[in-house]
N, C-alpha and C. Protein backbone atom coordinates (compact mmCIF):
# COMPACT_ATOMS: atom_id res chain seq x y z
N ARG A 1 65.00 72.31 121.03
CA ARG A 1 66.00 73.55 120.92
C ARG A 1 65.38 75.04 121.46
N ALA A 2 66.06 75.17 122.33
CA ALA A 2 65.95 76.68 123.14
C ALA A 2 66.53 77.76 121.73
N PRO A 3 64.90 78.92 121.77
CA PRO A 3 65.45 79.66 121.13
C PRO A 3 66.86 80.58 121.93
N GLN A 4 67.64 80.89 120.21
CA GLN A 4 68.85 81.52 120.32
C GLN A 4 68.34 83.30 119.92
N ASP A 5 69.15 83.93 121.56
CA ASP A 5 68.39 84.93 121.25
C ASP A 5 69.86 86.45 120.69
N ARG A 6 70.77 86.15 119.34
CA ARG A 6 71.78 87.29 119.62
C ARG A 6 71.73 87.04 117.85
N ILE A 7 72.52 88.11 117.92
CA ILE A 7 72.58 87.99 115.88
C ILE A 7 74.09 87.90 115.28
N GLN A 8 74.19 87.17 114.37
CA GLN A 8 75.80 87.26 113.95
C GLN A 8 75.90 87.20 112.03
N GLN A 9 76.97 87.87 112.05
CA GLN A 9 76.88 87.80 110.85
C GLN A 9 77.17 86.09 110.37
N ALA A 10 76.38 85.75 108.96
CA ALA A 10 76.61 84.20 108.65
C ALA A 10 76.32 84.36 107.38
N ASP A 11 76.68 82.78 106.69
CA ASP A 11 76.27 82.77 105.48
C ASP A 11 74.92 82.22 105.24
N GLY A 12 74.15 81.46 105.80
CA GLY A 12 73.32 80.65 106.14
C GLY A 12 72.41 80.95 106.95
N MET A 13 70.89 80.66 107.57
CA MET A 13 70.35 80.47 108.24
C MET A 13 68.78 79.48 108.05
N ALA A 14 68.36 78.84 108.94
CA ALA A 14 67.21 78.55 108.71
C ALA A 14 65.75 78.79 109.93
N THR A 15 64.62 78.42 109.75
CA THR A 15 64.07 78.30 110.72
C THR A 15 62.75 77.73 110.92
N ASP A 16 62.50 77.02 111.86
CA ASP A 16 61.18 76.29 111.71
C ASP A 16 59.92 77.59 112.62
N VAL A 17 59.85 78.57 112.59
CA VAL A 17 59.77 79.14 113.25
C VAL A 17 58.14 80.08 112.67
N ALA A 18 57.02 80.12 112.35
CA ALA A 18 56.13 80.78 111.58
C ALA A 18 56.27 81.98 111.98
N GLY A 19 55.80 83.24 110.23
CA GLY A 19 56.29 84.53 110.64
C GLY A 19 57.27 85.08 111.06
N LEU A 20 59.10 84.35 111.21
CA LEU A 20 60.01 84.81 111.87
C LEU A 20 60.56 85.35 109.73
N THR A 21 61.01 86.47 109.56
CA THR A 21 61.73 86.62 108.28
C THR A 21 62.88 86.54 107.98
N LEU A 22 63.35 85.67 107.51
CA LEU A 22 64.97 85.46 106.75
C LEU A 22 65.54 86.48 105.93
N THR A 23 67.09 87.32 105.59
CA THR A 23 66.84 87.83 105.46
C THR A 23 67.66 87.86 104.62
N VAL A 24 68.98 88.14 102.95
CA VAL A 24 70.52 87.69 102.80
C VAL A 24 70.43 89.19 102.08
N ARG A 25 71.57 89.62 102.10
CA ARG A 25 71.77 90.92 101.65
C ARG A 25 72.89 89.94 100.56
N TRP A 26 72.74 90.59 99.39
CA TRP A 26 73.75 90.55 97.85
C TRP A 26 73.98 91.46 96.80
N ALA A 27 74.75 90.94 96.38
CA ALA A 27 74.86 91.47 95.13
C ALA A 27 75.56 90.99 94.46
N ASP A 28 76.51 90.76 93.87
CA ASP A 28 76.98 89.78 92.94
C ASP A 28 77.03 88.17 93.15
N CYS A 29 76.13 87.58 94.02
CA CYS A 29 76.72 86.42 94.94
C CYS A 29 75.52 86.13 95.19
N GLN A 30 75.33 84.20 94.79
CA GLN A 30 74.22 83.63 94.44
C GLN A 30 73.84 83.40 95.90
N ASN A 31 72.52 83.34 96.15
CA ASN A 31 71.31 83.50 97.45
C ASN A 31 70.46 82.99 96.77
N PHE A 32 70.36 81.85 97.71
CA PHE A 32 69.38 80.45 97.81
C PHE A 32 68.45 80.61 98.65
N ILE A 33 67.29 80.50 98.43
CA ILE A 33 65.85 80.50 99.22
C ILE A 33 65.98 78.05 99.56
N ILE A 34 65.85 77.61 100.29
CA ILE A 34 65.55 76.55 101.06
C ILE A 34 64.43 75.80 101.51
N PHE A 35 63.63 75.57 100.87
CA PHE A 35 62.33 75.16 101.94
C PHE A 35 62.45 73.09 101.93
N ALA A 36 62.04 73.07 102.83
CA ALA A 36 61.62 71.47 103.80
C ALA A 36 60.14 71.06 103.92
N PRO A 37 59.37 71.10 102.86
CA PRO A 37 57.36 71.34 103.51
C PRO A 37 57.71 70.52 104.16
N GLN A 38 57.83 69.01 104.58
CA GLN A 38 56.97 68.34 105.09
C GLN A 38 57.94 68.19 106.83
N ALA A 39 58.79 69.47 106.86
CA ALA A 39 59.24 69.31 108.02
C ALA A 39 58.82 71.01 108.45
N ASN A 40 58.57 71.50 107.35
CA ASN A 40 58.17 72.88 107.47
C ASN A 40 59.12 73.59 107.62
N VAL A 41 60.49 73.51 107.01
CA VAL A 41 61.77 74.84 107.46
C VAL A 41 62.14 75.48 106.52
N ILE A 42 62.61 76.35 106.60
CA ILE A 42 62.76 77.26 105.26
C ILE A 42 64.27 78.17 105.57
N GLY A 43 64.55 78.50 104.97
CA GLY A 43 66.29 78.76 105.00
C GLY A 43 66.83 79.59 103.79
N VAL A 44 68.05 80.58 104.17
CA VAL A 44 68.09 81.76 102.57
C VAL A 44 69.97 80.92 103.03
N VAL A 45 70.77 81.18 102.12
CA VAL A 45 71.91 80.82 101.83
C VAL A 45 72.76 82.17 101.10
N HIS A 46 74.02 82.60 101.61
CA HIS A 46 74.60 83.34 100.67
C HIS A 46 75.83 82.80 100.41
N ALA A 47 75.88 82.50 99.26
CA ALA A 47 76.62 81.60 98.31
C ALA A 47 77.84 82.48 97.12
N GLY A 48 79.06 83.29 97.43
CA GLY A 48 79.85 84.09 96.51
C GLY A 48 80.40 82.28 96.78
N TRP A 49 81.46 83.07 95.02
CA TRP A 49 82.69 82.11 95.13
C TRP A 49 83.58 81.61 96.32
N ARG A 50 83.52 82.52 96.93
CA ARG A 50 84.45 82.32 98.41
C ARG A 50 84.00 80.99 99.00
N GLY A 51 82.70 81.17 99.17
CA GLY A 51 81.63 80.74 99.98
C GLY A 51 81.26 78.96 99.57
N LEU A 52 80.81 78.97 97.85
CA LEU A 52 81.26 78.16 97.01
C LEU A 52 82.69 77.23 97.74
N LEU A 53 83.96 77.51 97.81
CA LEU A 53 85.02 77.15 97.65
C LEU A 53 84.94 76.20 98.94
N ALA A 54 84.22 77.10 100.26
CA ALA A 54 84.07 76.38 101.41
C ALA A 54 83.02 76.19 101.87
N GLY A 55 81.85 75.53 101.14
CA GLY A 55 81.24 74.31 100.98
C GLY A 55 79.82 75.07 101.95
N VAL A 56 79.15 75.98 101.15
CA VAL A 56 78.18 76.98 102.44
C VAL A 56 76.97 76.07 102.00
N LEU A 57 77.17 75.56 100.86
CA LEU A 57 76.08 74.86 100.48
C LEU A 57 75.75 73.62 101.37
N GLN A 58 76.76 72.56 101.33
CA GLN A 58 77.15 71.02 102.32
C GLN A 58 77.28 71.33 103.51
N LYS A 59 77.54 72.40 104.09
CA LYS A 59 77.14 72.87 105.60
C LYS A 59 75.73 73.37 105.77
N HIS A 60 75.08 73.80 105.27
CA HIS A 60 73.88 74.29 104.98
C HIS A 60 72.65 72.85 105.30
N PHE A 61 73.00 72.06 104.46
CA PHE A 61 72.51 70.99 103.53
C PHE A 61 73.10 69.91 105.54
N ALA A 62 73.71 70.14 105.90
CA ALA A 62 74.02 69.14 107.19
C ALA A 62 73.74 69.78 108.24
N MET A 63 73.38 71.30 108.08
CA MET A 63 72.87 71.84 109.12
C MET A 63 71.30 71.27 109.27
N LEU A 64 70.99 70.95 108.54
CA LEU A 64 69.06 71.03 107.90
C LEU A 64 69.24 69.25 108.30
N LYS A 65 70.48 68.38 108.01
CA LYS A 65 69.71 67.12 108.53
C LYS A 65 70.42 67.14 110.08
N ASN A 66 71.22 68.11 111.07
CA ASN A 66 71.30 67.72 112.25
C ASN A 66 71.28 68.28 113.19
N GLU A 67 70.13 68.88 113.20
CA GLU A 67 69.18 69.88 112.97
C GLU A 67 67.30 69.46 113.23
N TRP A 68 67.13 68.62 111.91
CA TRP A 68 65.97 68.59 111.62
C TRP A 68 65.58 66.92 111.68
N GLY A 69 66.47 66.40 111.04
CA GLY A 69 66.82 65.77 109.78
C GLY A 69 65.95 65.46 108.32
N ILE A 70 66.50 66.19 108.10
CA ILE A 70 65.99 66.76 106.33
C ILE A 70 66.68 66.22 105.50
N ARG A 71 66.71 65.62 105.05
CA ARG A 71 67.29 65.62 104.07
C ARG A 71 67.12 65.96 102.38
N PRO A 72 68.43 66.09 101.69
CA PRO A 72 68.30 66.86 100.47
C PRO A 72 67.13 66.98 99.16
N ALA A 73 67.04 65.50 99.13
CA ALA A 73 65.69 65.25 98.89
C ALA A 73 64.59 65.95 98.82
N GLU A 74 65.16 65.73 100.48
CA GLU A 74 63.09 66.56 100.49
C GLU A 74 62.83 67.77 100.41
N THR A 75 63.84 68.98 100.25
CA THR A 75 63.99 70.15 100.01
C THR A 75 63.71 70.75 98.44
N TRP A 76 63.24 72.12 98.61
CA TRP A 76 63.09 72.93 97.05
C TRP A 76 64.15 73.82 97.32
N VAL A 77 64.24 74.51 95.78
CA VAL A 77 65.57 75.50 96.30
C VAL A 77 65.07 76.11 95.09
N GLY A 78 65.25 77.79 95.88
CA GLY A 78 65.12 78.55 94.28
C GLY A 78 66.05 79.80 94.72
N ALA A 79 66.70 79.96 92.91
CA ALA A 79 67.62 80.59 93.53
C ALA A 79 67.79 81.95 93.03
N GLY A 80 68.48 83.00 93.83
CA GLY A 80 67.72 84.06 92.91
C GLY A 80 68.71 84.71 91.81
N PRO A 81 68.94 85.60 91.65
CA PRO A 81 69.52 86.37 90.00
C PRO A 81 70.87 86.50 90.59
N SER A 82 72.35 86.29 89.86
CA SER A 82 73.36 86.87 89.97
C SER A 82 74.40 86.62 88.83
N LEU A 83 75.87 87.12 89.08
CA LEU A 83 76.79 86.81 88.37
C LEU A 83 76.27 86.03 87.30
N CYS A 84 76.18 86.14 86.01
CA CYS A 84 76.34 85.24 85.16
C CYS A 84 78.57 84.77 84.45
N THR A 85 77.80 84.00 83.72
CA THR A 85 79.40 83.18 83.70
C THR A 85 80.14 85.19 82.60
N ALA A 86 79.57 85.62 81.90
CA ALA A 86 80.23 86.14 81.69
C ALA A 86 80.55 87.53 82.25
N CYS A 87 80.15 87.30 83.16
CA CYS A 87 80.32 88.62 83.83
C CYS A 87 81.25 88.04 84.61
N ALA A 88 81.48 87.03 85.44
CA ALA A 88 82.35 86.23 86.53
C ALA A 88 83.67 85.67 86.11
N ALA A 89 84.78 87.05 85.94
CA ALA A 89 85.56 87.25 85.35
C ALA A 89 86.69 86.64 86.62
N PHE A 90 87.89 85.90 86.32
CA PHE A 90 88.87 85.88 86.98
C PHE A 90 90.20 86.27 86.67
N THR A 91 91.28 86.29 87.43
CA THR A 91 92.40 86.84 86.96
C THR A 91 93.29 85.20 86.20
N ASN A 92 93.08 84.24 87.13
CA ASN A 92 93.45 82.88 86.75
C ASN A 92 92.79 81.31 87.64
N PRO A 93 90.95 81.21 86.89
CA PRO A 93 90.26 80.82 88.11
C PRO A 93 91.12 79.42 88.19
N ARG A 94 91.99 78.86 87.51
CA ARG A 94 92.42 77.53 88.03
C ARG A 94 93.04 77.68 89.54
N THR A 95 93.93 78.58 89.86
CA THR A 95 94.13 78.76 91.27
C THR A 95 93.50 79.91 91.66
N GLU A 96 92.72 80.91 91.60
CA GLU A 96 92.27 81.02 92.50
C GLU A 96 90.49 80.08 92.94
N LEU A 97 90.12 79.59 92.44
CA LEU A 97 89.12 78.03 92.70
C LEU A 97 89.57 76.71 92.77
N PRO A 98 90.61 77.00 93.76
CA PRO A 98 91.52 75.56 93.92
C PRO A 98 90.00 74.45 94.06
N GLY A 99 90.46 73.06 93.48
CA GLY A 99 89.24 72.34 93.79
C GLY A 99 88.23 72.49 93.15
N MET A 100 88.30 73.21 92.35
CA MET A 100 86.50 73.68 91.65
C MET A 100 86.06 72.47 90.09
N ASP A 101 85.77 72.47 89.25
CA ASP A 101 85.91 71.91 88.72
C ASP A 101 86.18 72.12 87.51
N ALA A 102 87.09 72.27 86.41
CA ALA A 102 87.44 73.31 85.38
C ALA A 102 86.61 72.51 84.56
N ARG A 103 85.27 71.94 84.10
CA ARG A 103 85.01 72.35 82.93
C ARG A 103 83.78 73.40 83.18
N PHE A 104 83.95 74.08 84.44
CA PHE A 104 82.54 75.04 84.68
C PHE A 104 83.90 76.75 84.61
N PHE A 105 85.41 75.95 84.06
CA PHE A 105 86.21 77.68 83.49
C PHE A 105 86.02 77.82 81.99
N HIS A 106 85.77 78.79 81.61
CA HIS A 106 85.95 79.13 80.37
C HIS A 106 86.62 80.37 79.68
N GLY A 107 88.22 79.84 80.27
CA GLY A 107 89.25 80.87 79.99
C GLY A 107 89.31 81.84 81.11
N ARG A 108 89.03 82.97 81.20
CA ARG A 108 89.07 83.73 82.42
C ARG A 108 87.59 84.09 83.72
N HIS A 109 86.64 82.86 82.93
CA HIS A 109 85.51 83.50 83.30
C HIS A 109 84.95 82.61 83.57
N VAL A 110 84.23 81.94 84.85
CA VAL A 110 83.51 81.46 85.59
C VAL A 110 82.45 80.86 85.58
N ASP A 111 81.47 79.67 84.97
CA ASP A 111 80.21 79.51 84.99
C ASP A 111 79.65 78.71 87.07
N LEU A 112 79.42 80.14 87.86
CA LEU A 112 78.95 80.39 89.07
C LEU A 112 77.62 79.12 89.31
N TYR A 113 76.89 79.82 88.99
CA TYR A 113 76.28 78.83 88.50
C TYR A 113 75.60 77.37 88.45
N GLY A 114 76.65 76.12 87.45
CA GLY A 114 76.86 75.73 87.28
C GLY A 114 77.75 74.99 88.36
N ILE A 115 78.79 75.28 88.50
CA ILE A 115 79.15 75.28 90.28
C ILE A 115 78.52 74.54 91.24
N ALA A 116 77.72 75.65 91.64
CA ALA A 116 76.27 75.57 92.41
C ALA A 116 75.25 74.26 92.47
N ASP A 117 74.84 74.82 90.61
CA ASP A 117 74.33 73.57 90.77
C ASP A 117 74.79 72.35 90.04
N ALA A 118 75.76 72.07 90.22
CA ALA A 118 76.37 70.65 90.44
C ALA A 118 76.91 70.74 92.09
N GLN A 119 77.26 71.26 92.48
CA GLN A 119 77.43 70.97 94.37
C GLN A 119 75.77 70.26 94.89
N LEU A 120 74.73 71.51 94.42
CA LEU A 120 73.08 70.85 94.56
C LEU A 120 73.15 69.33 94.12
N ALA A 121 72.99 68.85 92.93
CA ALA A 121 73.22 67.52 92.76
C ALA A 121 74.09 66.38 93.47
N ALA A 122 75.28 66.87 93.65
CA ALA A 122 76.09 65.84 94.37
C ALA A 122 75.72 65.77 96.16
N ILE A 123 74.86 66.67 96.48
CA ILE A 123 75.00 67.00 97.73
C ILE A 123 73.32 65.33 97.16
N GLY A 124 71.97 65.47 96.81
CA GLY A 124 71.58 65.09 96.82
C GLY A 124 69.91 65.99 96.69
N VAL A 125 69.96 66.77 96.27
CA VAL A 125 68.81 67.81 95.65
C VAL A 125 68.60 67.24 94.28
N PRO A 126 67.04 66.84 94.31
CA PRO A 126 66.61 66.48 92.66
C PRO A 126 67.05 67.87 92.03
N VAL A 127 67.50 67.63 90.66
CA VAL A 127 67.21 68.93 89.75
C VAL A 127 65.96 69.68 89.39
N GLN A 128 64.97 68.65 89.48
CA GLN A 128 63.27 68.98 89.14
C GLN A 128 62.95 70.02 90.35
N HIS A 129 63.59 69.67 91.39
CA HIS A 129 63.63 70.74 92.44
C HIS A 129 64.03 72.17 92.95
N CYS A 130 65.17 72.34 92.03
CA CYS A 130 66.08 73.51 92.06
C CYS A 130 65.24 74.38 90.81
N GLU A 131 65.29 76.01 91.00
CA GLU A 131 64.63 76.80 90.46
C GLU A 131 65.71 77.79 90.46
N ARG A 132 65.54 78.73 88.82
CA ARG A 132 66.63 79.31 89.38
C ARG A 132 65.70 80.68 89.08
N MET A 133 65.94 82.71 88.89
CA MET A 133 65.30 83.70 88.96
C MET A 133 66.31 84.23 87.69
N GLU A 134 66.12 83.73 86.94
CA GLU A 134 67.06 84.52 85.54
C GLU A 134 67.84 86.50 85.98
N GLY A 135 68.39 86.63 85.21
CA GLY A 135 68.90 87.56 85.81
C GLY A 135 70.61 87.68 86.88
N CYS A 136 70.95 88.99 85.49
CA CYS A 136 72.95 89.08 86.24
C CYS A 136 72.49 90.42 86.99
N PRO A 137 73.07 90.69 88.05
CA PRO A 137 73.38 92.50 88.48
C PRO A 137 74.52 92.83 87.89
N CYS A 138 75.10 92.67 87.35
CA CYS A 138 76.05 93.14 86.84
C CYS A 138 75.47 93.78 85.58
N CYS A 139 75.11 93.17 84.44
CA CYS A 139 74.70 93.17 83.16
C CYS A 139 73.30 93.66 83.25
N GLN A 140 72.91 93.51 84.29
CA GLN A 140 71.79 94.75 84.26
C GLN A 140 71.46 95.18 85.54
N THR A 141 72.64 96.88 85.98
CA THR A 141 72.51 97.71 86.95
C THR A 141 71.42 98.88 87.10
N HIS A 142 70.86 98.32 86.15
CA HIS A 142 69.18 99.06 85.78
C HIS A 142 68.51 98.93 87.06
N ARG A 143 68.53 97.37 86.97
CA ARG A 143 67.48 96.30 87.99
C ARG A 143 67.82 96.30 89.77
N TYR A 144 69.13 95.69 89.79
CA TYR A 144 70.39 95.14 90.41
C TYR A 144 71.52 96.25 91.12
N TRP A 145 71.44 96.64 92.75
CA TRP A 145 73.17 96.94 92.82
C TRP A 145 73.78 95.45 92.35
N SER A 146 75.32 95.92 92.05
CA SER A 146 76.33 94.98 91.47
C SER A 146 77.49 95.87 91.35
N TYR A 147 78.21 94.87 92.97
CA TYR A 147 79.59 95.44 93.01
C TYR A 147 80.54 95.39 91.58
N ARG A 148 80.87 94.18 91.34
CA ARG A 148 81.65 94.34 89.95
C ARG A 148 81.15 95.60 89.00
N GLY A 149 79.74 95.68 89.16
CA GLY A 149 79.21 96.13 87.83
C GLY A 149 79.50 97.88 88.16
N GLY A 150 80.08 98.19 89.08
CA GLY A 150 80.42 99.51 89.19
C GLY A 150 79.52 100.17 90.59
N ASP A 151 78.91 99.79 90.99
CA ASP A 151 78.44 100.25 92.57
C ASP A 151 79.09 99.87 94.11
N GLN A 152 80.32 99.83 93.94
CA GLN A 152 81.60 99.45 94.54
C GLN A 152 81.20 100.24 96.22
N ASP A 153 81.18 101.77 95.67
CA ASP A 153 80.71 102.32 97.38
C ASP A 153 79.88 101.71 97.93
N ALA A 154 78.36 102.07 96.73
CA ALA A 154 77.09 102.19 96.95
C ALA A 154 76.99 100.72 98.19
N VAL A 155 77.27 99.43 97.52
CA VAL A 155 77.23 98.22 97.87
C VAL A 155 78.06 98.08 99.07
N LEU A 156 79.21 98.76 99.70
CA LEU A 156 80.33 98.91 100.59
C LEU A 156 79.67 99.45 101.86
N GLN A 157 78.57 100.65 101.39
CA GLN A 157 77.51 100.97 102.55
C GLN A 157 76.14 100.67 102.65
N GLY A 158 76.41 99.93 102.35
CA GLY A 158 75.19 99.11 102.34
C GLY A 158 74.19 98.92 101.23
N ALA A 159 74.13 99.53 100.14
CA ALA A 159 73.04 99.20 99.18
C ALA A 159 73.20 98.53 98.64
N THR A 160 72.36 97.24 98.88
CA THR A 160 72.43 95.48 98.21
C THR A 160 71.41 95.30 97.71
N ASN A 161 71.21 94.32 97.26
CA ASN A 161 69.79 93.70 97.33
C ASN A 161 68.98 92.64 97.64
N ILE A 162 68.38 92.19 98.22
CA ILE A 162 67.61 91.88 99.60
C ILE A 162 66.94 90.35 99.05
N LEU A 163 67.14 88.97 99.33
CA LEU A 163 66.27 88.19 99.33
C LEU A 163 65.73 87.68 100.91
N LEU A 164 64.64 87.75 100.66
CA LEU A 164 63.35 87.20 102.20
C LEU A 164 62.37 86.65 101.54
N CYS A 165 62.28 85.74 102.94
CA CYS A 165 61.29 84.90 103.17
C CYS A 165 61.32 84.28 104.52
N SER A 166 60.22 83.67 104.68
CA SER A 166 59.29 83.45 106.07
C SER A 166 57.93 82.18 106.23
N LEU A 167 57.86 81.28 106.71
CA LEU A 167 56.92 80.68 106.80
C LEU A 167 55.88 81.45 106.85
N LEU A 168 54.29 80.80 106.67
CA LEU A 168 53.33 81.19 106.93
C LEU A 168 52.72 80.90 108.30
N PRO A 169 52.12 81.33 109.09
CA PRO A 169 51.38 81.42 110.51
C PRO A 169 50.39 79.88 109.43
N ALA A 170 50.07 79.10 110.75
CA ALA A 170 48.97 77.94 110.47
C ALA A 170 47.76 78.83 110.31
């Protein structure tokens, strides 16, 4: 593969280059680090509710397979803080999240963690290879920036939480 010298807005990226730092900016959305130790590949994914609808996790794992031959069972997934079910309120989840499994709908509230976890399991990531950092930006505005928690202007101006990762040089 030829190195790419460009910057694009994207919901995910991966690298096998040691020392290259990958970052994801997030406010309330789910954010993931995906590591494939055998291939020494690391990636990050931003997965808001729109991304979950669009299949961002499935697309990321398809890219890992196409680029490096990595199978989901060979990966380890870490998820950072994101909206809890109590804070993930929608007007009408059945119409706003078409095609999503209704078992994750609780009235107007949606278990976005559950949706992502179910997608990861369906992709083939073993449950024991997944870990979540506790915390909700909306509930814990003293710790995190949150669009839904009242920081709309600050978040729109670039004040967000950052998840970063890097492969260590050998």
